[in-house]
């Protein structure tokens, strides 16, 4: 199971890094008078920054990183279901978005419900 955690750590580091860079780049185009949009964007920038950093700690082998990365995955799925933003510049319910949601749910399940490595 530890190999699966390392693979998920590498994948989530790439995904969170991509979303972090995309949202930071898009933050310059936001209007400061739209406080709700700025707040949502700031929340997701910090969420994906935490996801990228936590993925690194998951590669090292920290047990707490599995829980935090699972929370990042579940919040991403929740945001996708709520339609707050569209992944990969497509409609919220596109094939890519649905495939990514299934991947996020499966990886959260693998990270949270590992039998051999009990959560600290």
PDB file of N, CA and C in Angstrom:
ATOM      1  N   UNK A   1       0.819  -1.192   0.000  1.00  0.00           N
ATOM      2  CA  UNK A   1       0.000   0.000   0.000  1.00  0.00           C
ATOM      3  C   UNK A   1       0.866   1.260   0.000  1.00  0.00           C
ATOM      4  N   UNK A   2       2.074   1.128   0.485  1.00  0.00           N
ATOM      5  CA  UNK A   2       2.940   2.291   0.532  1.00  0.00           C
ATOM      6  C   UNK A   2       3.313   2.769  -0.878  1.00  0.00           C
ATOM      7  N   UNK A   3       3.443   1.850  -1.830  1.00  0.00           N
ATOM      8  CA  UNK A   3       3.726   2.234  -3.205  1.00  0.00           C
ATOM      9  C   UNK A   3       2.554   3.006  -3.798  1.00  0.00           C
ATOM     10  N   UNK A   4       1.345   2.575  -3.489  1.00  0.00           N
ATOM     11  CA  UNK A   4       0.166   3.294  -3.971  1.00  0.00           C
ATOM     12  C   UNK A   4       0.122   4.703  -3.396  1.00  0.00           C
ATOM     13  N   UNK A   5       0.530   4.859  -2.146  1.00  0.00           N
ATOM     14  CA  UNK A   5       0.540   6.193  -1.533  1.00  0.00           C
ATOM     15  C   UNK A   5       1.568   7.090  -2.212  1.00  0.00           C
ATOM     16  N   UNK A   6       2.708   6.536  -2.576  1.00  0.00           N
ATOM     17  CA  UNK A   6       3.728   7.341  -3.257  1.00  0.00           C
ATOM     18  C   UNK A   6       3.263   7.753  -4.652  1.00  0.00           C
ATOM     19  N   UNK A   7       2.605   6.842  -5.354  1.00  0.00           N
ATOM     20  CA  UNK A   7       2.078   7.172  -6.681  1.00  0.00           C
ATOM     21  C   UNK A   7       1.014   8.255  -6.567  1.00  0.00           C
ATOM     22  N   UNK A   8       0.112   8.107  -5.585  1.00  0.00           N
ATOM     23  CA  UNK A   8      -0.911   9.137  -5.375  1.00  0.00           C
ATOM     24  C   UNK A   8      -0.286  10.462  -4.953  1.00  0.00           C
ATOM     25  N   UNK A   9       0.785  10.408  -4.174  1.00  0.00           N
ATOM     26  CA  UNK A   9       1.467  11.637  -3.786  1.00  0.00           C
ATOM     27  C   UNK A   9       2.054  12.369  -4.977  1.00  0.00           C
ATOM     28  N   UNK A  10       2.653  11.622  -5.898  1.00  0.00           N
ATOM     29  CA  UNK A  10       3.216  12.238  -7.104  1.00  0.00           C
ATOM     30  C   UNK A  10       2.110  12.821  -7.976  1.00  0.00           C
ATOM     31  N   UNK A  11       1.030  12.061  -8.161  1.00  0.00           N
ATOM     32  CA  UNK A  11      -0.086  12.555  -8.987  1.00  0.00           C
ATOM     33  C   UNK A  11      -0.729  13.796  -8.384  1.00  0.00           C
ATOM     34  N   UNK A  12      -0.973  13.755  -7.066  1.00  0.00           N
ATOM     35  CA  UNK A  12      -1.618  14.902  -6.426  1.00  0.00           C
ATOM     36  C   UNK A  12      -0.690  16.107  -6.366  1.00  0.00           C
ATOM     37  N   UNK A  13       0.617  15.885  -6.293  1.00  0.00           N
ATOM     38  CA  UNK A  13       1.539  17.024  -6.333  1.00  0.00           C
ATOM     39  C   UNK A  13       1.463  17.719  -7.684  1.00  0.00           C
ATOM     40  N   UNK A  14       1.391  16.934  -8.746  1.00  0.00           N
ATOM     41  CA  UNK A  14       1.281  17.519 -10.085  1.00  0.00           C
ATOM     42  C   UNK A  14      -0.065  18.225 -10.272  1.00  0.00           C
ATOM     43  N   UNK A  15      -1.139  17.600  -9.818  1.00  0.00           N
ATOM     44  CA  UNK A  15      -2.472  18.189  -9.974  1.00  0.00           C
ATOM     45  C   UNK A  15      -2.600  19.468  -9.162  1.00  0.00           C
ATOM     46  N   UNK A  16      -2.193  19.414  -7.902  1.00  0.00           N
ATOM     47  CA  UNK A  16      -2.305  20.599  -7.045  1.00  0.00           C
ATOM     48  C   UNK A  16      -1.382  21.714  -7.527  1.00  0.00           C
ATOM     49  N   UNK A  17      -0.206  21.354  -8.018  1.00  0.00           N
ATOM     50  CA  UNK A  17       0.693  22.366  -8.568  1.00  0.00           C
ATOM     51  C   UNK A  17       0.115  23.041  -9.791  1.00  0.00           C
ATOM     52  N   UNK A  18      -0.515  22.251 -10.653  1.00  0.00           N
ATOM     53  CA  UNK A  18      -1.150  22.821 -11.853  1.00  0.00           C
ATOM     54  C   UNK A  18      -2.302  23.748 -11.476  1.00  0.00           C
ATOM     55  N   UNK A  19      -3.190  23.286 -10.598  1.00  0.00           N
ATOM     56  CA  UNK A  19      -4.321  24.124 -10.200  1.00  0.00           C
ATOM     57  C   UNK A  19      -3.864  25.360  -9.438  1.00  0.00           C
ATOM     58  N   UNK A  20      -2.835  25.227  -8.619  1.00  0.00           N
ATOM     59  CA  UNK A  20      -2.302  26.372  -7.889  1.00  0.00           C
ATOM     60  C   UNK A  20      -1.764  27.416  -8.860  1.00  0.00           C
ATOM     61  N   UNK A  21      -0.962  26.990  -9.826  1.00  0.00           N
ATOM     62  CA  UNK A  21      -0.390  27.931 -10.794  1.00  0.00           C
ATOM     63  C   UNK A  21      -1.476  28.582 -11.646  1.00  0.00           C
ATOM     64  N   UNK A  22      -2.472  27.815 -12.034  1.00  0.00           N
ATOM     65  CA  UNK A  22      -3.560  28.356 -12.846  1.00  0.00           C
ATOM     66  C   UNK A  22      -4.383  29.383 -12.080  1.00  0.00           C
ATOM     67  N   UNK A  23      -4.682  29.082 -10.820  1.00  0.00           N
ATOM     68  CA  UNK A  23      -5.496  30.006 -10.026  1.00  0.00           C
ATOM     69  C   UNK A  23      -4.726  31.254  -9.623  1.00  0.00           C
ATOM     70  N   UNK A  24      -3.432  31.135  -9.374  1.00  0.00           N
ATOM     71  CA  UNK A  24      -2.629  32.320  -9.067  1.00  0.00           C
ATOM     72  C   UNK A  24      -2.531  33.212 -10.289  1.00  0.00           C
ATOM     73  N   UNK A  25      -2.366  32.600 -11.440  1.00  0.00           N
ATOM     74  CA  UNK A  25      -2.312  33.380 -12.674  1.00  0.00           C
ATOM     75  C   UNK A  25      -3.649  34.061 -12.944  1.00  0.00           C
ATOM     76  N   UNK A  26      -4.748  33.379 -12.667  1.00  0.00           N
ATOM     77  CA  UNK A  26      -6.066  33.964 -12.873  1.00  0.00           C
ATOM     78  C   UNK A  26      -6.445  34.991 -11.829  1.00  0.00           C
ATOM     79  N   UNK A  27      -5.721  35.035 -10.712  1.00  0.00           N
ATOM     80  CA  UNK A  27      -6.048  36.001  -9.658  1.00  0.00           C
ATOM     81  C   UNK A  27      -5.773  37.429 -10.090  1.00  0.00           C
ATOM     82  N   UNK A  28      -4.877  37.604 -11.042  1.00  0.00           N
ATOM     83  CA  UNK A  28      -4.569  38.950 -11.503  1.00  0.00           C
ATOM     84  C   UNK A  28      -5.678  39.532 -12.367  1.00  0.00           C
ATOM     85  N   UNK A  29      -6.561  38.697 -12.867  1.00  0.00           N
ATOM     86  CA  UNK A  29      -7.656  39.159 -13.711  1.00  0.00           C
ATOM     87  C   UNK A  29      -8.931  39.437 -12.929  1.00  0.00           C
ATOM     88  N   UNK A  30      -8.934  39.158 -11.616  1.00  0.00           N
ATOM     89  CA  UNK A  30     -10.124  39.365 -10.805  1.00  0.00           C
ATOM     90  C   UNK A  30     -10.284  40.835 -10.436  1.00  0.00           C
ATOM     91  N   UNK A  31     -11.525  41.253 -10.311  1.00  0.00           N
ATOM     92  CA  UNK A  31     -11.824  42.612  -9.893  1.00  0.00           C
ATOM     93  C   UNK A  31     -11.857  42.674  -8.376  1.00  0.00           C
ATOM     94  N   UNK A  32     -11.208  43.650  -7.770  1.00  0.00           N
ATOM     95  CA  UNK A  32     -11.221  43.727  -6.303  1.00  0.00           C
ATOM     96  C   UNK A  32     -12.582  44.092  -5.729  1.00  0.00           C
ATOM     97  N   UNK A  33     -13.474  44.641  -6.530  1.00  0.00           N
ATOM     98  CA  UNK A  33     -14.796  44.978  -6.004  1.00  0.00           C
ATOM     99  C   UNK A  33     -15.711  43.759  -5.888  1.00  0.00           C
ATOM    100  N   UNK A  34     -15.347  42.635  -6.496  1.00  0.00           N
ATOM    101  CA  UNK A  34     -16.096  41.385  -6.359  1.00  0.00           C
ATOM    102  C   UNK A  34     -15.456  40.546  -5.264  1.00  0.00           C
ATOM    103  N   UNK A  35     -15.786  40.834  -4.019  1.00  0.00           N
ATOM    104  CA  UNK A  35     -15.135  40.204  -2.882  1.00  0.00           C
ATOM    105  C   UNK A  35     -15.430  38.708  -2.797  1.00  0.00           C
ATOM    106  N   UNK A  36     -16.618  38.276  -3.218  1.00  0.00           N
ATOM    107  CA  UNK A  36     -16.943  36.855  -3.163  1.00  0.00           C
ATOM    108  C   UNK A  36     -16.065  36.036  -4.110  1.00  0.00           C
ATOM    109  N   UNK A  37     -15.819  36.542  -5.293  1.00  0.00           N
ATOM    110  CA  UNK A  37     -14.971  35.832  -6.248  1.00  0.00           C
ATOM    111  C   UNK A  37     -13.522  35.803  -5.776  1.00  0.00           C
ATOM    112  N   UNK A  38     -13.062  36.895  -5.213  1.00  0.00           N
ATOM    113  CA  UNK A  38     -11.692  36.946  -4.706  1.00  0.00           C
ATOM    114  C   UNK A  38     -11.524  35.981  -3.532  1.00  0.00           C
ATOM    115  N   UNK A  39     -12.519  35.911  -2.660  1.00  0.00           N
ATOM    116  CA  UNK A  39     -12.437  35.024  -1.494  1.00  0.00           C
ATOM    117  C   UNK A  39     -12.444  33.559  -1.912  1.00  0.00           C
ATOM    118  N   UNK A  40     -13.279  33.198  -2.867  1.00  0.00           N
ATOM    119  CA  UNK A  40     -13.312  31.811  -3.347  1.00  0.00           C
ATOM    120  C   UNK A  40     -11.993  31.455  -4.019  1.00  0.00           C
ATOM    121  N   UNK A  41     -11.474  32.365  -4.830  1.00  0.00           N
ATOM    122  CA  UNK A  41     -10.201  32.108  -5.489  1.00  0.00           C
ATOM    123  C   UNK A  41      -9.076  31.972  -4.469  1.00  0.00           C
ATOM    124  N   UNK A  42      -9.053  32.812  -3.454  1.00  0.00           N
ATOM    125  CA  UNK A  42      -8.024  32.726  -2.422  1.00  0.00           C
ATOM    126  C   UNK A  42      -8.128  31.417  -1.646  1.00  0.00           C
ATOM    127  N   UNK A  43      -9.352  30.968  -1.368  1.00  0.00           N
ATOM    128  CA  UNK A  43      -9.539  29.699  -0.673  1.00  0.00           C
ATOM    129  C   UNK A  43      -8.939  28.545  -1.472  1.00  0.00           C
ATOM    130  N   UNK A  44      -9.208  28.507  -2.772  1.00  0.00           N
ATOM    131  CA  UNK A  44      -8.702  27.406  -3.590  1.00  0.00           C
ATOM    132  C   UNK A  44      -7.203  27.523  -3.854  1.00  0.00           C
ATOM    133  N   UNK A  45      -6.676  28.737  -3.912  1.00  0.00           N
ATOM    134  CA  UNK A  45      -5.223  28.898  -4.039  1.00  0.00           C
ATOM    135  C   UNK A  45      -4.543  28.312  -2.812  1.00  0.00           C
ATOM    136  N   UNK A  46      -5.047  28.637  -1.627  1.00  0.00           N
ATOM    137  CA  UNK A  46      -4.456  28.108  -0.399  1.00  0.00           C
ATOM    138  C   UNK A  46      -4.692  26.607  -0.266  1.00  0.00           C
ATOM    139  N   UNK A  47      -5.845  26.124  -0.714  1.00  0.00           N
ATOM    140  CA  UNK A  47      -6.141  24.695  -0.656  1.00  0.00           C
ATOM    141  C   UNK A  47      -5.160  23.900  -1.512  1.00  0.00           C
ATOM    142  N   UNK A  48      -4.926  24.356  -2.730  1.00  0.00           N
ATOM    143  CA  UNK A  48      -4.023  23.618  -3.614  1.00  0.00           C
ATOM    144  C   UNK A  48      -2.557  23.814  -3.235  1.00  0.00           C
ATOM    145  N   UNK A  49      -2.220  24.928  -2.612  1.00  0.00           N
ATOM    146  CA  UNK A  49      -0.875  25.077  -2.073  1.00  0.00           C
ATOM    147  C   UNK A  49      -0.654  24.074  -0.945  1.00  0.00           C
ATOM    148  N   UNK A  50      -1.649  23.952  -0.071  1.00  0.00           N
ATOM    149  CA  UNK A  50      -1.559  22.958   1.004  1.00  0.00           C
ATOM    150  C   UNK A  50      -1.510  21.549   0.434  1.00  0.00           C
ATOM    151  N   UNK A  51      -2.243  21.292  -0.638  1.00  0.00           N
ATOM    152  CA  UNK A  51      -2.220  19.977  -1.269  1.00  0.00           C
ATOM    153  C   UNK A  51      -0.864  19.645  -1.869  1.00  0.00           C
ATOM    154  N   UNK A  52      -0.221  20.618  -2.485  1.00  0.00           N
ATOM    155  CA  UNK A  52       1.097  20.375  -3.075  1.00  0.00           C
ATOM    156  C   UNK A  52       2.148  20.125  -1.992  1.00  0.00           C
ATOM    157  N   UNK A  53       2.097  20.908  -0.924  1.00  0.00           N
ATOM    158  CA  UNK A  53       3.056  20.725   0.164  1.00  0.00           C
ATOM    159  C   UNK A  53       2.803  19.394   0.874  1.00  0.00           C
ATOM    160  N   UNK A  54       1.543  19.073   1.090  1.00  0.00           N
ATOM    161  CA  UNK A  54       1.197  17.824   1.764  1.00  0.00           C
ATOM    162  C   UNK A  54       1.591  16.617   0.919  1.00  0.00           C
ATOM    163  N   UNK A  55       1.488  16.728  -0.384  1.00  0.00           N
ATOM    164  CA  UNK A  55       1.900  15.625  -1.258  1.00  0.00           C
ATOM    165  C   UNK A  55       3.378  15.325  -1.103  1.00  0.00           C
ATOM    166  N   UNK A  56       4.171  16.358  -0.905  1.00  0.00           N
ATOM    167  CA  UNK A  56       5.593  16.143  -0.665  1.00  0.00           C
ATOM    168  C   UNK A  56       5.805  15.362   0.632  1.00  0.00           C
ATOM    169  N   UNK A  57       5.066  15.734   1.681  1.00  0.00           N
ATOM    170  CA  UNK A  57       5.199  15.012   2.942  1.00  0.00           C
ATOM    171  C   UNK A  57       4.659  13.587   2.843  1.00  0.00           C
ATOM    172  N   UNK A  58       3.701  13.364   1.967  1.00  0.00           N
ATOM    173  CA  UNK A  58       3.216  12.005   1.740  1.00  0.00           C
ATOM    174  C   UNK A  58       4.302  11.150   1.087  1.00  0.00           C
ATOM    175  N   UNK A  59       5.075  11.736   0.204  1.00  0.00           N
ATOM    176  CA  UNK A  59       6.179  11.010  -0.409  1.00  0.00           C
ATOM    177  C   UNK A  59       7.247  10.643   0.618  1.00  0.00           C
ATOM    178  N   UNK A  60       7.433  11.503   1.596  1.00  0.00           N
ATOM    179  CA  UNK A  60       8.402  11.215   2.656  1.00  0.00           C
ATOM    180  C   UNK A  60       7.892  10.093   3.558  1.00  0.00           C
ATOM    181  N   UNK A  61       6.574  10.021   3.738  1.00  0.00           N
ATOM    182  CA  UNK A  61       6.002   8.947   4.541  1.00  0.00           C
ATOM    183  C   UNK A  61       5.248   9.401   5.770  1.00  0.00           C
ATOM    184  N   UNK A  62       4.895  10.676   5.850  1.00  0.00           N
ATOM    185  CA  UNK A  62       4.149  11.174   7.001  1.00  0.00           C
ATOM    186  C   UNK A  62       2.717  10.650   6.970  1.00  0.00           C
ATOM    187  N   UNK A  63       2.257  10.145   8.096  1.00  0.00           N
ATOM    188  CA  UNK A  63       0.916   9.575   8.144  1.00  0.00           C
ATOM    189  C   UNK A  63      -0.166  10.643   8.146  1.00  0.00           C
ATOM    190  N   UNK A  64       0.103  11.797   8.733  1.00  0.00           N
ATOM    191  CA  UNK A  64      -0.898  12.862   8.773  1.00  0.00           C
ATOM    192  C   UNK A  64      -1.181  13.405   7.376  1.00  0.00           C
ATOM    193  N   UNK A  65      -0.238  13.241   6.469  1.00  0.00           N
ATOM    194  CA  UNK A  65      -0.405  13.771   5.118  1.00  0.00           C
ATOM    195  C   UNK A  65      -1.528  13.067   4.368  1.00  0.00           C
ATOM    196  N   UNK A  66      -1.785  11.797   4.699  1.00  0.00           N
ATOM    197  CA  UNK A  66      -2.873  11.077   4.031  1.00  0.00           C
ATOM    198  C   UNK A  66      -4.217  11.710   4.347  1.00  0.00           C
ATOM    199  N   UNK A  67      -4.417  12.102   5.594  1.00  0.00           N
ATOM    200  CA  UNK A  67      -5.688  12.703   5.993  1.00  0.00           C
ATOM    201  C   UNK A  67      -5.864  14.070   5.339  1.00  0.00           C
ATOM    202  N   UNK A  68      -4.825  14.878   5.359  1.00  0.00           N
ATOM    203  CA  UNK A  68      -4.913  16.219   4.782  1.00  0.00           C
ATOM    204  C   UNK A  68      -5.124  16.144   3.273  1.00  0.00           C
ATOM    205  N   UNK A  69      -4.421  15.247   2.604  1.00  0.00           N
ATOM    206  CA  UNK A  69      -4.594  15.113   1.157  1.00  0.00           C
ATOM    207  C   UNK A  69      -5.970  14.566   0.808  1.00  0.00           C
ATOM    208  N   UNK A  70      -6.517  13.718   1.656  1.00  0.00           N
ATOM    209  CA  UNK A  70      -7.887  13.237   1.447  1.00  0.00           C
ATOM    210  C   UNK A  70      -8.887  14.372   1.587  1.00  0.00           C
ATOM    211  N   UNK A  71      -8.652  15.273   2.523  1.00  0.00           N
ATOM    212  CA  UNK A  71      -9.536  16.433   2.690  1.00  0.00           C
ATOM    213  C   UNK A  71      -9.453  17.333   1.465  1.00  0.00           C
ATOM    214  N   UNK A  72      -8.260  17.523   0.929  1.00  0.00           N
ATOM    215  CA  UNK A  72      -8.098  18.319  -0.296  1.00  0.00           C
ATOM    216  C   UNK A  72      -8.870  17.676  -1.446  1.00  0.00           C
ATOM    217  N   UNK A  73      -8.772  16.362  -1.569  1.00  0.00           N
ATOM    218  CA  UNK A  73      -9.477  15.656  -2.647  1.00  0.00           C
ATOM    219  C   UNK A  73     -10.989  15.769  -2.478  1.00  0.00           C
ATOM    220  N   UNK A  74     -11.475  15.599  -1.265  1.00  0.00           N
ATOM    221  CA  UNK A  74     -12.918  15.668  -1.037  1.00  0.00           C
ATOM    222  C   UNK A  74     -13.457  17.085  -1.199  1.00  0.00           C
ATOM    223  N   UNK A  75     -12.681  18.098  -0.829  1.00  0.00           N
ATOM    224  CA  UNK A  75     -13.117  19.479  -1.067  1.00  0.00           C
ATOM    225  C   UNK A  75     -13.116  19.812  -2.551  1.00  0.00           C
ATOM    226  N   UNK A  76     -12.198  19.218  -3.297  1.00  0.00           N
ATOM    227  CA  UNK A  76     -12.180  19.418  -4.742  1.00  0.00           C
ATOM    228  C   UNK A  76     -13.410  18.799  -5.392  1.00  0.00           C
ATOM    229  N   UNK A  77     -13.780  17.609  -4.955  1.00  0.00           N
ATOM    230  CA  UNK A  77     -14.985  16.963  -5.486  1.00  0.00           C
ATOM    231  C   UNK A  77     -16.220  17.762  -5.107  1.00  0.00           C
ATOM    232  N   UNK A  78     -16.264  18.239  -3.888  1.00  0.00           N
ATOM    233  CA  UNK A  78     -17.398  19.051  -3.447  1.00  0.00           C
ATOM    234  C   UNK A  78     -17.529  20.319  -4.288  1.00  0.00           C
ATOM    235  N   UNK A  79     -16.411  20.981  -4.557  1.00  0.00           N
ATOM    236  CA  UNK A  79     -16.439  22.183  -5.384  1.00  0.00           C
ATOM    237  C   UNK A  79     -16.885  21.875  -6.798  1.00  0.00           C
ATOM    238  N   UNK A  80     -16.466  20.742  -7.309  1.00  0.00           N
ATOM    239  CA  UNK A  80     -16.877  20.365  -8.654  1.00  0.00           C
ATOM    240  C   UNK A  80     -18.375  20.082  -8.709  1.00  0.00           C
ATOM    241  N   UNK A  81     -18.879  19.416  -7.687  1.00  0.00           N
ATOM    242  CA  UNK A  81     -20.317  19.133  -7.651  1.00  0.00           C
ATOM    243  C   UNK A  81     -21.133  20.409  -7.498  1.00  0.00           C
ATOM    244  N   UNK A  82     -20.615  21.354  -6.752  1.00  0.00           N
ATOM    245  CA  UNK A  82     -21.329  22.613  -6.568  1.00  0.00           C
ATOM    246  C   UNK A  82     -21.210  23.516  -7.793  1.00  0.00           C
ATOM    247  N   UNK A  83     -20.270  23.217  -8.654  1.00  0.00           N
ATOM    248  CA  UNK A  83     -20.122  24.002  -9.869  1.00  0.00           C
ATOM    249  C   UNK A  83     -19.465  25.350  -9.630  1.00  0.00           C
ATOM    250  N   UNK A  84     -18.578  25.448  -8.618  1.00  0.00           N
ATOM    251  CA  UNK A  84     -17.931  26.721  -8.347  1.00  0.00           C
ATOM    252  C   UNK A  84     -16.988  27.116  -9.473  1.00  0.00           C
ATOM    253  N   UNK A  85     -16.333  26.144 -10.049  1.00  0.00           N
ATOM    254  CA  UNK A  85     -15.466  26.425 -11.186  1.00  0.00           C
ATOM    255  C   UNK A  85     -15.361  25.166 -12.016  1.00  0.00           C
ATOM    256  N   UNK A  86     -14.961  25.337 -13.265  1.00  0.00           N
ATOM    257  CA  UNK A  86     -14.876  24.205 -14.176  1.00  0.00           C
ATOM    258  C   UNK A  86     -13.418  23.783 -14.302  1.00  0.00           C
ATOM    259  N   UNK A  87     -13.181  22.477 -14.228  1.00  0.00           N
ATOM    260  CA  UNK A  87     -11.830  21.967 -14.368  1.00  0.00           C
ATOM    261  C   UNK A  87     -11.429  21.943 -15.830  1.00  0.00           C
ATOM    262  N   UNK A  88     -10.178  22.244 -16.083  1.00  0.00           N
ATOM    263  CA  UNK A  88      -9.577  22.175 -17.410  1.00  0.00           C
ATOM    264  C   UNK A  88     -10.330  23.035 -18.424  1.00  0.00           C
ATOM    265  N   UNK A  89     -10.863  24.159 -17.977  1.00  0.00           N
ATOM    266  CA  UNK A  89     -11.564  25.122 -18.835  1.00  0.00           C
ATOM    267  C   UNK A  89     -12.665  24.472 -19.668  1.00  0.00           C
ATOM    268  N   UNK A  90     -13.440  23.610 -19.030  1.00  0.00           N
ATOM    269  CA  UNK A  90     -14.542  22.957 -19.724  1.00  0.00           C
ATOM    270  C   UNK A  90     -15.793  23.083 -18.870  1.00  0.00           C
ATOM    271  N   UNK A  91     -16.861  22.519 -19.333  1.00  0.00           N
ATOM    272  CA  UNK A  91     -18.099  22.551 -18.566  1.00  0.00           C
ATOM    273  C   UNK A  91     -17.928  21.768 -17.273  1.00  0.00           C
ATOM    274  N   UNK A  92     -18.666  22.128 -16.202  1.00  0.00           N
ATOM    275  CA  UNK A  92     -18.480  21.436 -14.924  1.00  0.00           C
ATOM    276  C   UNK A  92     -18.767  19.938 -14.991  1.00  0.00           C
ATOM    277  N   UNK A  93     -19.637  19.514 -15.872  1.00  0.00           N
ATOM    278  CA  UNK A  93     -19.973  18.099 -15.953  1.00  0.00           C
ATOM    279  C   UNK A  93     -19.474  17.499 -17.258  1.00  0.00           C
ATOM    280  N   UNK A  94     -18.232  17.780 -17.577  1.00  0.00           N
ATOM    281  CA  UNK A  94     -17.625  17.197 -18.772  1.00  0.00           C
ATOM    282  C   UNK A  94     -17.032  15.841 -18.429  1.00  0.00           C
ATOM    283  N   UNK A  95     -16.576  15.137 -19.436  1.00  0.00           N
ATOM    284  CA  UNK A  95     -15.953  13.830 -19.240  1.00  0.00           C
ATOM    285  C   UNK A  95     -14.700  13.951 -18.383  1.00  0.00           C
ATOM    286  N   UNK A  96     -13.898  14.977 -18.635  1.00  0.00           N
ATOM    287  CA  UNK A  96     -12.664  15.170 -17.874  1.00  0.00           C
ATOM    288  C   UNK A  96     -12.981  15.481 -16.414  1.00  0.00           C
ATOM    289  N   UNK A  97     -13.977  16.323 -16.181  1.00  0.00           N
ATOM    290  CA  UNK A  97     -14.366  16.653 -14.810  1.00  0.00           C
ATOM    291  C   UNK A  97     -14.896  15.460 -14.042  1.00  0.00           C
ATOM    292  N   UNK A  98     -15.697  14.646 -14.696  1.00  0.00           N
ATOM    293  CA  UNK A  98     -16.246  13.452 -14.045  1.00  0.00           C
ATOM    294  C   UNK A  98     -15.135  12.436 -13.784  1.00  0.00           C
ATOM    295  N   UNK A  99     -14.226  12.261 -14.730  1.00  0.00           N
ATOM    296  CA  UNK A  99     -13.103  11.341 -14.526  1.00  0.00           C
ATOM    297  C   UNK A  99     -12.211  11.814 -13.393  1.00  0.00           C
ATOM    298  N   UNK A 100     -11.987  13.119 -13.314  1.00  0.00           N
ATOM    299  CA  UNK A 100     -11.171  13.655 -12.223  1.00  0.00           C
ATOM    300  C   UNK A 100     -11.870  13.486 -10.873  1.00  0.00           C
ATOM    301  N   UNK A 101     -13.187  13.667 -10.834  1.00  0.00           N
ATOM    302  CA  UNK A 101     -13.930  13.459  -9.586  1.00  0.00           C
ATOM    303  C   UNK A 101     -13.863  12.004  -9.132  1.00  0.00           C
ATOM    304  N   UNK A 102     -13.958  11.083 -10.070  1.00  0.00           N
ATOM    305  CA  UNK A 102     -13.851   9.663  -9.713  1.00  0.00           C
ATOM    306  C   UNK A 102     -12.442   9.355  -9.202  1.00  0.00           C
ATOM    307  N   UNK A 103     -11.433   9.921  -9.848  1.00  0.00           N
ATOM    308  CA  UNK A 103     -10.063   9.739  -9.373  1.00  0.00           C
ATOM    309  C   UNK A 103      -9.885  10.319  -7.973  1.00  0.00           C
ATOM    310  N   UNK A 104     -10.439  11.493  -7.723  1.00  0.00           N
ATOM    311  CA  UNK A 104     -10.293  12.121  -6.409  1.00  0.00           C
ATOM    312  C   UNK A 104     -10.997  11.310  -5.326  1.00  0.00           C
ATOM    313  N   UNK A 105     -12.185  10.805  -5.619  1.00  0.00           N
ATOM    314  CA  UNK A 105     -12.892   9.977  -4.643  1.00  0.00           C
ATOM    315  C   UNK A 105     -12.151   8.672  -4.382  1.00  0.00           C
ATOM    316  N   UNK A 106     -11.636   8.057  -5.436  1.00  0.00           N
ATOM    317  CA  UNK A 106     -10.901   6.798  -5.255  1.00  0.00           C
ATOM    318  C   UNK A 106      -9.608   7.019  -4.477  1.00  0.00           C
ATOM    319  N   UNK A 107      -8.903   8.088  -4.774  1.00  0.00           N
ATOM    320  CA  UNK A 107      -7.657   8.339  -4.052  1.00  0.00           C
ATOM    321  C   UNK A 107      -7.926   8.712  -2.602  1.00  0.00           C
ATOM    322  N   UNK A 108      -9.009   9.423  -2.327  1.00  0.00           N
ATOM    323  CA  UNK A 108      -9.360   9.718  -0.929  1.00  0.00           C
ATOM    324  C   UNK A 108      -9.694   8.430  -0.185  1.00  0.00           C
ATOM    325  N   UNK A 109     -10.377   7.512  -0.854  1.00  0.00           N
ATOM    326  CA  UNK A 109     -10.676   6.233  -0.230  1.00  0.00           C
ATOM    327  C   UNK A 109      -9.433   5.420   0.047  1.00  0.00           C
ATOM    328  N   UNK A 110      -8.509   5.392  -0.892  1.00  0.00           N
ATOM    329  CA  UNK A 110      -7.270   4.638  -0.700  1.00  0.00           C
ATOM    330  C   UNK A 110      -6.443   5.259   0.410  1.00  0.00           C
ATOM    331  N   UNK A 111      -6.392   6.571   0.456  1.00  0.00           N
ATOM    332  CA  UNK A 111      -5.579   7.233   1.477  1.00  0.00           C
ATOM    333  C   UNK A 111      -6.188   7.128   2.871  1.00  0.00           C
ATOM    334  N   UNK A 112      -7.493   7.191   2.960  1.00  0.00           N
ATOM    335  CA  UNK A 112      -8.139   7.169   4.281  1.00  0.00           C
ATOM    336  C   UNK A 112      -8.299   5.766   4.840  1.00  0.00           C
ATOM    337  N   UNK A 113      -8.553   4.793   4.002  1.00  0.00           N
ATOM    338  CA  UNK A 113      -8.898   3.464   4.485  1.00  0.00           C
ATOM    339  C   UNK A 113      -7.797   2.437   4.244  1.00  0.00           C
ATOM    340  N   UNK A 114      -6.562   2.830   4.488  1.00  0.00           N
ATOM    341  CA  UNK A 114      -5.443   1.900   4.387  1.00  0.00           C
ATOM    342  C   UNK A 114      -5.429   1.019   5.632  1.00  0.00           C
ATOM    343  N   UNK A 115      -5.324  -0.282   5.450  1.00  0.00           N
ATOM    344  CA  UNK A 115      -5.386  -1.204   6.593  1.00  0.00           C
ATOM    345  C   UNK A 115      -4.054  -1.360   7.302  1.00  0.00           C
ATOM    346  N   UNK A 116      -2.985  -1.469   6.563  1.00  0.00           N
ATOM    347  CA  UNK A 116      -1.690  -1.753   7.188  1.00  0.00           C
ATOM    348  C   UNK A 116      -1.122  -0.566   7.945  1.00  0.00           C
ATOM    349  N   UNK A 117      -1.323   0.627   7.415  1.00  0.00           N
ATOM    350  CA  UNK A 117      -0.741   1.822   8.007  1.00  0.00           C
ATOM    351  C   UNK A 117      -1.845   2.607   8.693  1.00  0.00           C
ATOM    352  N   UNK A 118      -2.004   2.405   9.972  1.00  0.00           N
ATOM    353  CA  UNK A 118      -3.073   3.076  10.710  1.00  0.00           C
ATOM    354  C   UNK A 118      -2.788   4.564  10.781  1.00  0.00           C
ATOM    355  N   UNK A 119      -3.876   5.333  10.760  1.00  0.00           N
ATOM    356  CA  UNK A 119      -3.749   6.777  10.829  1.00  0.00           C
ATOM    357  C   UNK A 119      -3.247   7.160  12.204  1.00  0.00           C
ATOM    358  N   UNK A 120      -2.295   8.071  12.247  1.00  0.00           N
ATOM    359  CA  UNK A 120      -1.694   8.475  13.530  1.00  0.00           C
ATOM    360  C   UNK A 120      -2.673   9.247  14.392  1.00  0.00           C
TER     361      UNK A 120
END
